[in-house]
């Protein structure tokens, strides 16, 4: 498994009725991969989830990065949420 590290976080609060965008994170996986613009979203129940970067083509969005491992995706989510709670949220 790769070591997951949040390199930078860009707060971008955009509240919505059902939650909303909290910010963007640049996430490093070991010394192999840097994923830029991972979105941290807040759901209407107060929980957090991440969305990988997307590319818009016409009226559809396509994921640029797809994480195939549920464990790795959960680790990314956990690191981004922890970073947000400790370093950004007042």
N, C-alpha and C. Protein backbone atom coordinates (compact mmCIF):
# COMPACT_ATOMS: atom_id res chain seq x y z
N UNK A 1 0.85 -1.19 0.00
CA UNK A 1 0.00 0.00 0.00
C UNK A 1 0.89 1.24 0.00
N UNK A 2 0.43 2.28 -0.65
CA UNK A 2 1.16 3.54 -0.73
C UNK A 2 0.93 4.38 0.51
N UNK A 3 1.93 5.19 0.85
CA UNK A 3 1.73 6.18 1.89
C UNK A 3 0.97 7.34 1.27
N UNK A 4 -0.14 7.72 1.90
CA UNK A 4 -0.99 8.80 1.39
C UNK A 4 -0.68 10.06 2.18
N UNK A 5 -0.43 11.15 1.45
CA UNK A 5 -0.09 12.42 2.10
C UNK A 5 -0.82 13.56 1.39
N UNK A 6 -1.43 14.44 2.16
CA UNK A 6 -2.05 15.64 1.60
C UNK A 6 -0.95 16.69 1.51
N UNK A 7 -0.65 17.11 0.29
CA UNK A 7 0.42 18.07 0.05
C UNK A 7 -0.08 19.49 0.26
N UNK A 8 -1.28 19.77 -0.24
CA UNK A 8 -1.84 21.12 -0.13
C UNK A 8 -3.36 21.00 -0.12
N UNK A 9 -4.01 21.92 0.59
CA UNK A 9 -5.47 21.96 0.63
C UNK A 9 -5.91 23.37 0.30
N UNK A 10 -6.90 23.46 -0.59
CA UNK A 10 -7.44 24.74 -1.02
C UNK A 10 -8.88 24.83 -0.54
N UNK A 11 -9.15 25.54 0.56
CA UNK A 11 -10.53 25.65 1.04
C UNK A 11 -11.39 26.38 0.01
N UNK A 12 -12.58 25.87 -0.19
CA UNK A 12 -13.48 26.44 -1.19
C UNK A 12 -14.89 26.10 -0.80
N UNK A 13 -15.37 26.73 0.24
CA UNK A 13 -16.70 26.41 0.77
C UNK A 13 -17.77 26.86 -0.22
N UNK A 14 -18.57 25.92 -0.64
CA UNK A 14 -19.68 26.19 -1.55
C UNK A 14 -20.87 25.41 -1.02
N UNK A 15 -21.56 25.96 -0.04
CA UNK A 15 -22.64 25.20 0.59
C UNK A 15 -23.80 24.98 -0.36
N UNK A 16 -24.43 23.86 -0.18
CA UNK A 16 -25.62 23.52 -0.94
C UNK A 16 -26.67 22.98 0.00
N UNK A 17 -27.82 22.75 -0.52
CA UNK A 17 -28.90 22.24 0.31
C UNK A 17 -28.57 20.85 0.85
N UNK A 18 -27.87 20.08 0.09
CA UNK A 18 -27.54 18.72 0.47
C UNK A 18 -26.09 18.56 0.88
N UNK A 19 -25.45 19.61 1.29
CA UNK A 19 -24.02 19.57 1.60
C UNK A 19 -23.31 20.49 0.65
N UNK A 20 -22.16 20.13 0.20
CA UNK A 20 -21.49 20.96 -0.78
C UNK A 20 -20.00 20.77 -0.81
N UNK A 21 -19.35 21.52 -1.67
CA UNK A 21 -17.92 21.46 -1.83
C UNK A 21 -17.24 22.16 -0.67
N UNK A 22 -16.27 21.49 -0.07
CA UNK A 22 -15.53 22.05 1.06
C UNK A 22 -14.18 22.58 0.59
N UNK A 23 -13.56 21.89 -0.36
CA UNK A 23 -12.27 22.33 -0.86
C UNK A 23 -11.65 21.31 -1.79
N UNK A 24 -10.46 21.66 -2.27
CA UNK A 24 -9.69 20.80 -3.15
C UNK A 24 -8.40 20.42 -2.46
N UNK A 25 -7.93 19.20 -2.70
CA UNK A 25 -6.67 18.74 -2.10
C UNK A 25 -5.77 18.17 -3.19
N UNK A 26 -4.47 18.38 -3.01
CA UNK A 26 -3.47 17.69 -3.82
C UNK A 26 -2.96 16.55 -2.96
N UNK A 27 -3.07 15.32 -3.44
CA UNK A 27 -2.76 14.13 -2.66
C UNK A 27 -1.62 13.37 -3.32
N UNK A 28 -0.61 13.05 -2.52
CA UNK A 28 0.58 12.34 -3.00
C UNK A 28 0.49 10.89 -2.54
N UNK A 29 0.74 9.96 -3.45
CA UNK A 29 0.77 8.53 -3.13
C UNK A 29 2.21 8.06 -3.23
N UNK A 30 2.82 7.90 -2.06
CA UNK A 30 4.23 7.53 -2.03
C UNK A 30 5.06 8.55 -2.78
N UNK A 31 6.09 8.07 -3.47
CA UNK A 31 6.90 8.93 -4.33
C UNK A 31 6.57 8.67 -5.79
N UNK A 32 5.34 8.18 -6.04
CA UNK A 32 5.00 7.73 -7.37
C UNK A 32 3.97 8.58 -8.10
N UNK A 33 3.03 9.16 -7.35
CA UNK A 33 1.89 9.79 -8.01
C UNK A 33 1.39 10.98 -7.20
N UNK A 34 1.05 12.05 -7.90
CA UNK A 34 0.43 13.23 -7.29
C UNK A 34 -0.90 13.44 -7.99
N UNK A 35 -1.98 13.39 -7.22
CA UNK A 35 -3.31 13.62 -7.77
C UNK A 35 -3.73 15.02 -7.35
N UNK A 36 -3.94 15.88 -8.32
CA UNK A 36 -4.32 17.27 -8.03
C UNK A 36 -5.83 17.41 -8.13
N UNK A 37 -6.37 18.32 -7.34
CA UNK A 37 -7.79 18.70 -7.38
C UNK A 37 -8.74 17.57 -6.98
N UNK A 38 -8.38 16.84 -5.92
CA UNK A 38 -9.32 15.90 -5.33
C UNK A 38 -10.32 16.72 -4.54
N UNK A 39 -11.60 16.58 -4.84
CA UNK A 39 -12.62 17.40 -4.17
C UNK A 39 -13.06 16.75 -2.86
N UNK A 40 -13.12 17.57 -1.81
CA UNK A 40 -13.69 17.13 -0.54
C UNK A 40 -15.10 17.68 -0.47
N UNK A 41 -16.07 16.77 -0.35
CA UNK A 41 -17.47 17.13 -0.33
C UNK A 41 -18.07 16.79 1.03
N UNK A 42 -19.06 17.59 1.43
CA UNK A 42 -19.77 17.33 2.68
C UNK A 42 -21.20 16.97 2.32
N UNK A 43 -21.68 15.84 2.84
CA UNK A 43 -23.06 15.45 2.53
C UNK A 43 -24.03 16.14 3.49
N UNK A 44 -25.29 15.98 3.24
CA UNK A 44 -26.30 16.70 4.04
C UNK A 44 -26.38 16.21 5.47
N UNK A 45 -25.79 15.07 5.76
CA UNK A 45 -25.80 14.54 7.13
C UNK A 45 -24.55 14.92 7.91
N UNK A 46 -23.65 15.67 7.29
CA UNK A 46 -22.44 16.12 7.96
C UNK A 46 -21.23 15.25 7.71
N UNK A 47 -21.38 14.17 6.95
CA UNK A 47 -20.25 13.30 6.62
C UNK A 47 -19.47 13.85 5.44
N UNK A 48 -18.27 13.32 5.25
CA UNK A 48 -17.41 13.78 4.16
C UNK A 48 -17.11 12.64 3.20
N UNK A 49 -16.94 12.99 1.94
CA UNK A 49 -16.48 12.03 0.94
C UNK A 49 -15.62 12.77 -0.07
N UNK A 50 -14.85 12.03 -0.85
CA UNK A 50 -13.98 12.64 -1.85
C UNK A 50 -14.45 12.26 -3.25
N UNK A 51 -14.18 13.15 -4.18
CA UNK A 51 -14.41 12.88 -5.60
C UNK A 51 -13.10 13.12 -6.33
N UNK A 52 -12.75 12.19 -7.19
CA UNK A 52 -11.53 12.32 -7.98
C UNK A 52 -11.73 13.38 -9.06
N UNK A 53 -10.63 13.92 -9.58
CA UNK A 53 -10.73 14.96 -10.63
C UNK A 53 -11.53 14.45 -11.84
N UNK A 54 -12.26 15.37 -12.45
CA UNK A 54 -13.06 15.02 -13.62
C UNK A 54 -12.72 15.94 -14.78
N UNK A 55 -13.07 15.50 -15.96
CA UNK A 55 -12.91 16.26 -17.19
C UNK A 55 -14.29 16.40 -17.81
N UNK A 56 -14.67 17.62 -18.15
CA UNK A 56 -15.99 17.83 -18.73
C UNK A 56 -15.91 17.76 -20.25
N UNK A 57 -16.80 16.99 -20.83
CA UNK A 57 -16.90 16.89 -22.28
C UNK A 57 -18.38 17.02 -22.63
N UNK A 58 -18.72 18.12 -23.23
CA UNK A 58 -20.13 18.39 -23.52
C UNK A 58 -20.88 18.59 -22.22
N UNK A 59 -21.92 17.81 -22.01
CA UNK A 59 -22.69 17.95 -20.77
C UNK A 59 -22.39 16.82 -19.78
N UNK A 60 -21.33 16.07 -20.01
CA UNK A 60 -20.96 14.96 -19.11
C UNK A 60 -19.60 15.20 -18.48
N UNK A 61 -19.43 14.67 -17.28
CA UNK A 61 -18.14 14.69 -16.59
C UNK A 61 -17.58 13.27 -16.56
N UNK A 62 -16.30 13.15 -16.84
CA UNK A 62 -15.62 11.86 -16.82
C UNK A 62 -14.49 11.90 -15.80
N UNK A 63 -14.38 10.86 -14.99
CA UNK A 63 -13.30 10.79 -14.01
C UNK A 63 -11.97 10.68 -14.74
N UNK A 64 -11.00 11.50 -14.32
CA UNK A 64 -9.66 11.45 -14.88
C UNK A 64 -8.85 10.39 -14.16
N UNK A 65 -9.10 10.25 -12.86
CA UNK A 65 -8.43 9.25 -12.03
C UNK A 65 -9.50 8.37 -11.41
N UNK A 66 -9.32 7.07 -11.56
CA UNK A 66 -10.24 6.12 -10.94
C UNK A 66 -9.45 5.24 -9.99
N UNK A 67 -9.82 5.28 -8.72
CA UNK A 67 -9.15 4.46 -7.70
C UNK A 67 -9.87 3.12 -7.65
N UNK A 68 -9.15 2.06 -7.99
CA UNK A 68 -9.77 0.74 -8.08
C UNK A 68 -9.85 0.04 -6.73
N UNK A 69 -8.98 0.43 -5.81
CA UNK A 69 -8.95 -0.19 -4.49
C UNK A 69 -9.84 0.61 -3.53
N UNK A 70 -10.84 -0.04 -2.96
CA UNK A 70 -11.70 0.63 -1.99
C UNK A 70 -10.91 1.03 -0.74
N UNK A 71 -9.94 0.21 -0.36
CA UNK A 71 -9.11 0.52 0.80
C UNK A 71 -8.29 1.78 0.56
N UNK A 72 -7.71 1.90 -0.63
CA UNK A 72 -6.92 3.09 -0.96
C UNK A 72 -7.81 4.33 -1.02
N UNK A 73 -8.98 4.20 -1.61
CA UNK A 73 -9.91 5.33 -1.67
C UNK A 73 -10.31 5.77 -0.27
N UNK A 74 -10.56 4.82 0.62
CA UNK A 74 -10.92 5.15 2.01
C UNK A 74 -9.74 5.83 2.72
N UNK A 75 -8.52 5.37 2.45
CA UNK A 75 -7.34 5.99 3.06
C UNK A 75 -7.17 7.43 2.57
N UNK A 76 -7.40 7.66 1.29
CA UNK A 76 -7.34 9.02 0.74
C UNK A 76 -8.39 9.89 1.41
N UNK A 77 -9.62 9.38 1.51
CA UNK A 77 -10.70 10.14 2.15
C UNK A 77 -10.33 10.48 3.59
N UNK A 78 -9.84 9.50 4.31
CA UNK A 78 -9.50 9.70 5.72
C UNK A 78 -8.39 10.76 5.88
N UNK A 79 -7.37 10.68 5.05
CA UNK A 79 -6.26 11.65 5.14
C UNK A 79 -6.73 13.07 4.80
N UNK A 80 -7.56 13.20 3.76
CA UNK A 80 -8.04 14.54 3.36
C UNK A 80 -8.95 15.12 4.44
N UNK A 81 -9.84 14.31 4.98
CA UNK A 81 -10.75 14.79 6.03
C UNK A 81 -9.96 15.16 7.28
N UNK A 82 -9.01 14.32 7.69
CA UNK A 82 -8.18 14.62 8.86
C UNK A 82 -7.40 15.92 8.66
N UNK A 83 -6.83 16.09 7.47
CA UNK A 83 -6.08 17.31 7.18
C UNK A 83 -7.01 18.52 7.28
N UNK A 84 -8.18 18.41 6.70
CA UNK A 84 -9.14 19.52 6.73
C UNK A 84 -9.52 19.87 8.17
N UNK A 85 -9.82 18.87 8.96
CA UNK A 85 -10.23 19.11 10.35
C UNK A 85 -9.11 19.69 11.21
N UNK A 86 -7.88 19.25 10.98
CA UNK A 86 -6.75 19.69 11.82
C UNK A 86 -6.12 20.99 11.36
N UNK A 87 -6.03 21.18 10.04
CA UNK A 87 -5.25 22.30 9.52
C UNK A 87 -6.09 23.46 9.00
N UNK A 88 -7.30 23.19 8.55
CA UNK A 88 -8.07 24.22 7.86
C UNK A 88 -9.25 24.70 8.65
N UNK A 89 -10.08 23.79 9.13
CA UNK A 89 -11.33 24.15 9.79
C UNK A 89 -11.06 24.90 11.09
N UNK A 90 -11.76 25.98 11.26
CA UNK A 90 -11.57 26.81 12.45
C UNK A 90 -12.56 26.41 13.52
